[in-house]
């Protein structure tokens, strides 16, 4: 075969093979995948706390990775929107002491998550306590009681005379105030309080009880014993009356009729006897004492009748006007009634009120003058109180 013919045949064959292979190749197609979105997961651990009377702070944990943000609902009303990954919201302009219900939802273009819900009450001052009264009173303490009218107090503050005396906790409705002074007026206020402020009760006035009082006759003595110097010794006895307006006590020393202290001039005898004792003294304390030397004259019976009559009237106040008009002391009255000036060794009278503490203290060697100014009877006594 001719070389030219062979070359043509091979070229044609090659062309045929190329065209055949190319016609059997199918181009490969590529498609962009479609992304499918879903609503975000709901937030968790939703809580709300009152910041003030008009503001609350709402907090949550972000539980999704595809939210566009969060929507905050108060009741059914949308009140705020925050962006992705934000986990708090402050709601303002609220009414004090009001309960609000909140829902928070995560959202994206596919929709909203389920709601997380919570409730909160805005702050408000507590309601004032009422019915503040004194339950018990003693010489040194007062127990107060009141009605709790609030459900949001942190406790109660007790004020005495304008000064804070104590704090007590939530729901406490009774308090004992101790360490007070007897026979003293106090004014109390009770205030409910929380972080927003205090609200107060009405005033309650209290007067503590008067103290217990004991009067002890410690010693009796004489300067002049009423006897002539030739005889020397005198037969001395003393009558004492003590009253507080409620109780009147009459005592004779020595106690038995017909007995006497045999005392020389300037002699003293120990007595050490309680002559008056009450658990609560009246508003005053009065003491009167009169000394006599028995000379066998009119006798002590008449003298003690006078003490029982004139003394009780005087010390209880019934004869005070008469005595003031006549300028008589108790001793002078007895002496003038019975003509016993020579036997009278002098008298002692005094009175004390609550404002000078009922005379509490020791009284040492009180000298009593006779009618002519001579010093006769001598007294030692003590006024004391267990409450002091």
Protein backbone atom coordinates (compact mmCIF):
# COMPACT_ATOMS: atom_id res chain seq x y z
CA UNK A 1 0.00 0.00 0.00
CA UNK A 2 1.15 3.40 -0.76
CA UNK A 3 2.62 5.41 2.23
CA UNK A 4 0.32 8.32 1.54
CA UNK A 5 -2.77 6.15 1.66
CA UNK A 6 -1.65 4.60 4.95
CA UNK A 7 -1.08 7.96 6.54
CA UNK A 8 -4.56 9.16 5.58
CA UNK A 9 -6.15 6.02 7.01
CA UNK A 10 -4.36 6.44 10.37
CA UNK A 11 -5.38 10.07 10.65
CA UNK A 12 -8.99 9.23 10.00
CA UNK A 13 -8.89 6.43 12.52
CA UNK A 14 -7.48 8.73 15.17
CA UNK A 15 -10.15 11.34 14.52
CA UNK A 16 -12.83 8.71 14.81
CA UNK A 17 -11.51 7.51 18.14
CA UNK A 18 -11.35 11.03 19.59
CA UNK A 19 -14.88 11.88 18.48
CA UNK A 20 -16.28 8.64 19.86
CA UNK A 21 -14.70 9.00 23.28
CA UNK A 22 -15.79 12.60 23.63
CA UNK A 23 -19.40 11.82 22.86
CA UNK A 24 -19.59 9.28 25.68
CA UNK A 25 -18.37 11.68 28.51
CA UNK A 26 -21.29 13.20 30.60
CA UNK A 27 -20.46 16.45 32.43
CA UNK A 28 -20.70 16.21 36.30
CA UNK A 29 -23.17 18.61 37.95
CA UNK A 30 -22.66 20.34 41.47
CA UNK A 31 -25.53 21.67 43.71
CA UNK A 32 -25.23 24.09 46.73
CA UNK A 33 -26.72 22.40 49.89
CA UNK A 34 -29.76 24.12 51.53
CA UNK A 35 -29.38 25.01 55.34
CA UNK A 36 -32.48 24.19 57.51
CA UNK A 37 -33.15 26.59 60.61
CA UNK A 38 -35.14 25.79 63.78
CA UNK A 39 -36.40 27.96 66.67
CA UNK A 40 -33.84 28.39 69.48
CA UNK A 41 -34.00 26.53 72.79
CA UNK A 42 -35.73 28.31 75.65
CA UNK A 43 -33.61 30.15 78.30
CA UNK A 44 -33.21 28.50 81.69
CA UNK A 45 -32.87 29.57 85.34
CA UNK A 46 -35.04 32.64 84.89
CA UNK A 47 -35.23 34.81 88.04
CA UNK A 48 -36.38 38.31 88.92
CA UNK A 49 -35.48 40.45 91.94
CA UNK A 50 -36.82 43.79 93.09
CA UNK A 51 -34.20 46.52 92.88
CA UNK A 52 -36.40 49.31 94.20
CA UNK A 53 -40.05 50.26 94.55
CA UNK A 54 -40.28 50.73 90.74
CA UNK A 55 -37.57 48.53 89.20
CA UNK A 56 -36.89 44.80 88.90
CA UNK A 57 -33.87 42.96 87.47
CA UNK A 58 -34.56 39.87 85.32
CA UNK A 59 -31.80 37.31 84.70
CA UNK A 60 -31.55 34.03 82.74
CA UNK A 61 -29.07 31.60 81.22
CA UNK A 62 -28.71 31.43 77.44
CA UNK A 63 -29.47 27.83 76.47
CA UNK A 64 -29.24 28.14 72.64
CA UNK A 65 -26.64 28.86 69.97
CA UNK A 66 -28.88 30.09 67.18
CA UNK A 67 -30.96 32.90 68.71
CA UNK A 68 -31.13 36.35 67.26
CA UNK A 69 -32.02 37.69 70.68
CA UNK A 70 -34.48 37.51 73.57
CA UNK A 71 -37.92 38.98 74.09
CA UNK A 72 -39.14 39.94 77.56
CA UNK A 73 -42.86 39.90 78.32
CA UNK A 74 -44.59 41.37 81.34
CA UNK A 75 -47.84 39.50 81.53
CA UNK A 76 -48.81 39.25 77.84
CA UNK A 77 -47.19 42.54 76.84
CA UNK A 78 -43.79 42.72 75.19
CA UNK A 79 -41.76 45.17 77.28
CA UNK A 80 -38.24 44.66 75.96
CA UNK A 81 -35.93 42.97 73.47
CA UNK A 82 -32.22 42.28 73.85
CA UNK A 83 -29.66 40.84 71.45
CA UNK A 84 -28.07 37.42 71.20
CA UNK A 85 -26.11 36.21 74.21
CA UNK A 86 -27.57 38.91 76.51
CA UNK A 87 -28.73 37.37 79.79
CA UNK A 88 -30.39 40.17 81.80
CA UNK A 89 -32.94 42.94 81.51
CA UNK A 90 -34.02 45.74 83.87
CA UNK A 91 -37.70 46.65 83.88
CA UNK A 92 -38.50 50.14 85.20
CA UNK A 93 -41.46 52.38 85.89
CA UNK A 94 -43.37 49.85 87.96
CA UNK A 95 -45.79 50.33 90.85
CA UNK A 96 -44.46 49.76 94.35
CA UNK A 97 -45.60 46.73 96.28
CA UNK A 98 -47.05 45.09 93.15
CA UNK A 99 -46.53 41.54 91.89
CA UNK A 100 -45.51 41.16 88.24
CA UNK A 101 -45.27 38.01 86.08
CA UNK A 102 -42.53 37.75 83.45
CA UNK A 103 -41.77 35.47 80.48
CA UNK A 104 -38.54 35.43 78.48
CA UNK A 105 -38.29 33.78 75.03
CA UNK A 106 -35.32 33.29 72.72
CA UNK A 107 -36.13 34.00 69.05
CA UNK A 108 -34.76 33.84 65.51
CA UNK A 109 -36.26 34.09 62.03
CA UNK A 110 -37.85 30.69 62.48
CA UNK A 111 -39.79 31.75 65.58
CA UNK A 112 -39.68 31.88 69.38
CA UNK A 113 -38.65 29.34 71.94
CA UNK A 114 -40.84 28.15 74.75
CA UNK A 115 -41.13 30.71 77.54
CA UNK A 116 -39.27 30.71 80.82
CA UNK A 117 -41.48 32.32 83.46
CA UNK A 118 -41.14 33.86 86.94
CA UNK A 119 -42.84 36.36 89.26
CA UNK A 120 -41.59 39.16 91.46
CA UNK A 121 -43.02 41.81 93.77
CA UNK A 122 -41.64 45.33 93.77
CA UNK A 123 -40.44 46.76 97.04
CA UNK A 124 -42.66 48.82 99.36
CA UNK A 125 -42.41 50.04 102.95
CA UNK A 126 -44.14 47.66 105.36
CA UNK A 127 -47.52 48.49 106.80
CA UNK A 128 -47.40 50.12 110.20
CA UNK A 129 -47.96 47.93 113.27
CA UNK A 130 -51.03 48.76 115.35
CA UNK A 131 -52.46 48.06 118.81
CA UNK A 132 -49.24 48.82 120.67
CA UNK A 133 -49.95 48.06 124.32
CA UNK A 134 -48.17 47.21 127.55
CA UNK A 135 -48.73 43.59 128.53
CA UNK A 136 -46.92 43.60 131.88
CA UNK A 137 -45.12 46.22 133.95
CA UNK A 138 -42.75 45.84 136.89
CA UNK A 139 -40.34 48.15 138.68
CA UNK A 140 -37.57 47.47 136.16
CA UNK A 141 -39.24 46.14 133.00
CA UNK A 142 -42.11 46.61 130.58
CA UNK A 143 -43.40 44.04 128.09
CA UNK A 144 -44.85 45.46 124.87
CA UNK A 145 -47.13 43.81 122.32
CA UNK A 146 -48.37 44.94 118.89
CA UNK A 147 -50.19 43.70 115.78
CA UNK A 148 -48.09 42.89 112.71
CA UNK A 149 -49.94 44.26 109.66
CA UNK A 150 -47.28 43.67 107.00
CA UNK A 151 -45.91 40.71 105.08
CA UNK A 152 -42.73 42.32 103.82
CA UNK A 153 -40.98 43.63 106.93
CA UNK A 154 -37.44 42.66 107.73
CA UNK A 155 -38.17 43.23 111.41
CA UNK A 156 -39.29 45.77 113.98
CA UNK A 157 -37.43 48.55 115.76
CA UNK A 158 -38.45 49.49 119.31
CA UNK A 159 -37.83 53.09 120.33
CA UNK A 160 -37.85 54.24 123.95
CA UNK A 161 -38.14 58.00 124.48
CA UNK A 162 -36.99 58.60 120.90
CA UNK A 163 -33.92 56.36 121.14
CA UNK A 164 -33.55 52.95 119.54
CA UNK A 165 -33.84 50.37 122.32
CA UNK A 166 -33.89 47.11 120.32
CA UNK A 167 -34.37 45.33 116.99
CA UNK A 168 -36.47 42.19 116.66
CA UNK A 169 -36.99 39.93 113.66
CA UNK A 170 -39.76 39.30 111.16
CA UNK A 171 -43.18 38.37 112.61
CA UNK A 172 -42.13 39.09 116.21
CA UNK A 173 -44.99 40.82 118.06
CA UNK A 174 -43.77 41.01 121.66
CA UNK A 175 -40.74 42.51 123.40
CA UNK A 176 -39.63 42.88 127.02
CA UNK A 177 -37.65 46.03 127.75
CA UNK A 178 -35.53 45.57 130.86
CA UNK A 179 -33.14 47.65 132.93
CA UNK A 180 -35.69 50.42 133.53
CA UNK A 181 -35.94 52.67 136.56
CA UNK A 182 -38.83 52.29 139.02
CA UNK A 183 -41.62 54.87 139.03
CA UNK A 184 -40.47 56.35 135.72
CA UNK A 185 -42.51 57.40 132.71
CA UNK A 186 -41.43 56.03 129.32
CA UNK A 187 -42.78 56.53 125.80
CA UNK A 188 -42.52 53.75 123.21
CA UNK A 189 -42.78 53.51 119.43
CA UNK A 190 -42.57 50.32 117.36
CA UNK A 191 -41.62 50.64 113.69
CA UNK A 192 -41.78 47.96 111.00
CA UNK A 193 -38.88 48.29 108.58
CA UNK A 194 -37.34 46.92 105.41
CA UNK A 195 -34.75 48.25 102.95
CA UNK A 196 -37.17 50.87 101.66
CA UNK A 197 -37.87 52.51 105.02
CA UNK A 198 -39.83 52.43 108.29
CA UNK A 199 -43.46 52.85 109.27
CA UNK A 200 -44.34 53.56 112.88
CA UNK A 201 -47.05 52.68 115.34
CA UNK A 202 -48.83 55.10 117.61
CA UNK A 203 -47.22 56.09 120.92
CA UNK A 204 -47.57 53.95 124.03
CA UNK A 205 -46.91 55.61 127.40
CA UNK A 206 -45.71 53.45 130.30
CA UNK A 207 -44.98 54.16 133.95
CA UNK A 208 -42.99 51.52 135.75
CA UNK A 209 -44.18 50.42 139.16
CA UNK A 210 -43.01 52.07 142.34
CA UNK A 211 -40.24 50.15 144.07
CA UNK A 212 -40.52 47.96 147.14
CA UNK A 213 -39.57 49.88 150.26
CA UNK A 214 -38.35 48.71 153.66
CA UNK A 215 -37.83 50.99 156.68
CA UNK A 216 -35.62 49.70 159.49
CA UNK A 217 -35.22 51.35 162.89
CA UNK A 218 -31.53 50.84 163.61
CA UNK A 219 -30.92 52.57 166.96
CA UNK A 220 -32.59 54.77 169.58
CA UNK A 221 -30.81 57.10 171.93
CA UNK A 222 -31.14 60.24 174.00
CA UNK A 223 -29.16 63.32 174.72
CA UNK A 224 -31.42 64.42 177.56
CA UNK A 225 -33.56 61.64 178.99
CA UNK A 226 -36.24 63.77 180.67
CA UNK A 227 -35.30 62.73 184.21
CA UNK A 228 -33.96 64.83 187.05
CA UNK A 229 -30.21 64.58 187.32
CA UNK A 230 -30.50 63.06 190.77
CA UNK A 231 -32.31 60.00 189.42
CA UNK A 232 -30.15 59.69 186.33
CA UNK A 233 -31.78 56.90 184.33
CA UNK A 234 -34.92 57.55 182.30
CA UNK A 235 -37.68 55.18 181.25
CA UNK A 236 -37.77 55.96 177.56
CA UNK A 237 -40.10 54.67 174.87
CA UNK A 238 -40.70 55.76 171.28
CA UNK A 239 -43.80 55.73 169.11
CA UNK A 240 -43.34 55.59 165.31
CA UNK A 241 -45.86 55.80 162.50
CA UNK A 242 -44.98 55.10 158.84
CA UNK A 243 -47.34 55.40 155.89
CA UNK A 244 -47.18 55.51 152.08
CA UNK A 245 -50.81 56.53 151.66
CA UNK A 246 -51.88 52.91 151.23
CA UNK A 247 -50.49 51.29 154.36
CA UNK A 248 -50.15 52.76 157.85
CA UNK A 249 -47.92 51.05 160.42
CA UNK A 250 -47.81 52.04 164.12
CA UNK A 251 -44.96 50.73 166.24
CA UNK A 252 -43.94 51.12 169.87
CA UNK A 253 -40.39 50.58 171.08
CA UNK A 254 -40.02 48.60 173.22
CA UNK A 255 -42.88 46.61 171.72
CA UNK A 256 -44.72 45.68 174.91
CA UNK A 257 -46.66 48.15 176.98
CA UNK A 258 -45.11 48.69 180.36
CA UNK A 259 -41.61 48.11 179.05
CA UNK A 260 -39.05 50.89 178.60
CA UNK A 261 -35.51 51.55 177.55
CA UNK A 262 -33.61 52.49 180.67
CA UNK A 263 -31.32 55.14 179.24
CA UNK A 264 -28.93 57.51 180.85
CA UNK A 265 -28.17 60.79 179.14
CA UNK A 266 -26.19 60.34 175.89
CA UNK A 267 -26.88 56.61 175.92
CA UNK A 268 -27.78 54.61 172.76
CA UNK A 269 -29.48 51.23 172.31
CA UNK A 270 -29.44 49.03 169.19
CA UNK A 271 -32.86 48.09 167.79
CA UNK A 272 -32.38 46.66 164.25
CA UNK A 273 -36.09 46.08 163.59
CA UNK A 274 -38.02 46.40 160.33
CA UNK A 275 -40.91 48.77 160.96
CA UNK A 276 -42.35 49.06 157.43
CA UNK A 277 -42.12 46.90 154.31
CA UNK A 278 -44.22 46.91 151.12
CA UNK A 279 -43.70 45.33 147.69
CA UNK A 280 -44.78 48.53 145.96
CA UNK A 281 -44.65 51.79 147.81
CA UNK A 282 -47.19 54.54 147.23
CA UNK A 283 -46.30 57.88 145.68
CA UNK A 284 -44.90 59.15 148.96
CA UNK A 285 -43.44 57.91 152.23
CA UNK A 286 -43.99 59.65 155.60
CA UNK A 287 -42.38 58.89 158.92
CA UNK A 288 -43.19 60.42 162.31
CA UNK A 289 -41.56 59.48 165.61
CA UNK A 290 -42.08 60.82 169.13
CA UNK A 291 -40.10 60.00 172.26
CA UNK A 292 -41.35 60.04 175.82
CA UNK A 293 -40.00 59.43 179.27
CA UNK A 294 -42.55 57.74 181.46
CA UNK A 295 -43.04 59.64 184.69
CA UNK A 296 -46.22 57.91 185.81
CA UNK A 297 -48.34 60.89 184.81
CA UNK A 298 -51.07 60.64 182.21
CA UNK A 299 -49.50 57.43 181.06
CA UNK A 300 -48.53 56.00 177.73
CA UNK A 301 -52.07 54.75 177.00
CA UNK A 302 -53.27 58.30 176.37
CA UNK A 303 -50.17 59.10 174.39
CA UNK A 304 -50.64 56.14 172.08
CA UNK A 305 -54.30 56.93 171.69
CA UNK A 306 -53.15 60.30 170.47
CA UNK A 307 -50.68 58.65 168.11
CA UNK A 308 -53.42 56.44 166.70
CA UNK A 309 -55.80 59.36 166.22
CA UNK A 310 -53.72 62.42 165.41
CA UNK A 311 -50.85 60.51 163.86
CA UNK A 312 -52.91 58.57 161.35
CA UNK A 313 -54.86 61.65 160.36
CA UNK A 314 -51.71 63.67 159.95
CA UNK A 315 -49.70 61.14 157.99
CA UNK A 316 -52.57 60.21 155.68
CA UNK A 317 -53.19 63.88 154.97
CA UNK A 318 -56.55 64.18 156.71
CA UNK A 319 -55.32 66.61 159.36
CA UNK A 320 -52.70 68.40 157.31
CA UNK A 321 -54.76 71.56 156.85
CA UNK A 322 -55.45 71.82 160.59
CA UNK A 323 -51.79 71.34 161.42
CA UNK A 324 -50.67 73.91 158.87
CA UNK A 325 -53.18 76.45 160.21
CA UNK A 326 -52.11 75.96 163.82
CA UNK A 327 -48.41 75.53 162.98
CA UNK A 328 -48.27 72.40 165.13
CA UNK A 329 -45.96 69.48 164.56
CA UNK A 330 -47.17 66.06 165.60
CA UNK A 331 -45.06 66.20 168.74
CA UNK A 332 -46.32 69.67 169.63
CA UNK A 333 -49.90 68.53 169.07
CA UNK A 334 -49.54 65.61 171.46
CA UNK A 335 -47.75 67.66 174.03
CA UNK A 336 -50.34 70.41 174.00
CA UNK A 337 -53.28 68.01 174.05
CA UNK A 338 -52.01 66.10 177.10
CA UNK A 339 -49.95 68.73 178.84
CA UNK A 340 -46.95 66.40 178.75
CA UNK A 341 -44.25 68.83 177.74
CA UNK A 342 -42.03 67.73 180.59
CA UNK A 343 -42.16 64.11 179.47
CA UNK A 344 -41.79 64.77 175.78
CA UNK A 345 -38.28 64.02 174.44
CA UNK A 346 -38.92 65.54 171.01
CA UNK A 347 -40.33 64.34 167.73
CA UNK A 348 -39.22 63.72 164.16
CA UNK A 349 -41.29 64.11 161.00
CA UNK A 350 -40.37 63.87 157.34
CA UNK A 351 -41.90 62.88 154.01
CA UNK A 352 -40.49 61.96 150.61
CA UNK A 353 -42.01 61.57 147.20
CA UNK A 354 -41.12 59.54 144.12
CA UNK A 355 -39.28 62.54 142.69
CA UNK A 356 -36.76 62.37 145.55
CA UNK A 357 -36.66 58.58 145.53
CA UNK A 358 -38.77 58.03 148.66
CA UNK A 359 -35.86 59.14 150.83
CA UNK A 360 -33.89 55.96 150.20
CA UNK A 361 -30.72 56.04 152.29
CA UNK A 362 -29.35 55.85 155.82
CA UNK A 363 -30.31 58.43 158.45
CA UNK A 364 -27.80 58.69 161.25
CA UNK A 365 -28.14 60.29 164.67
CA UNK A 366 -31.12 62.53 164.00
CA UNK A 367 -31.46 64.85 166.94
CA UNK A 368 -34.99 65.77 168.06
CA UNK A 369 -35.64 68.91 170.07
CA UNK A 370 -37.80 69.11 173.14
CA UNK A 371 -40.29 71.94 173.73
CA UNK A 372 -37.64 74.27 175.12
CA UNK A 373 -35.12 73.47 172.37
CA UNK A 374 -33.16 70.97 174.42
CA UNK A 375 -31.91 68.01 172.41
CA UNK A 376 -33.68 64.88 173.59
CA UNK A 377 -34.50 61.87 171.38
CA UNK A 378 -31.95 60.50 168.92
CA UNK A 379 -32.86 58.25 165.95
CA UNK A 380 -31.04 56.06 163.43
CA UNK A 381 -33.04 54.47 160.62
CA UNK A 382 -32.62 53.16 157.06
CA UNK A 383 -34.93 53.41 154.04
CA UNK A 384 -33.96 50.93 151.35
CA UNK A 385 -35.33 49.22 148.27
CA UNK A 386 -34.50 45.85 146.71
CA UNK A 387 -35.13 47.45 143.30
CA UNK A 388 -32.21 49.87 143.60
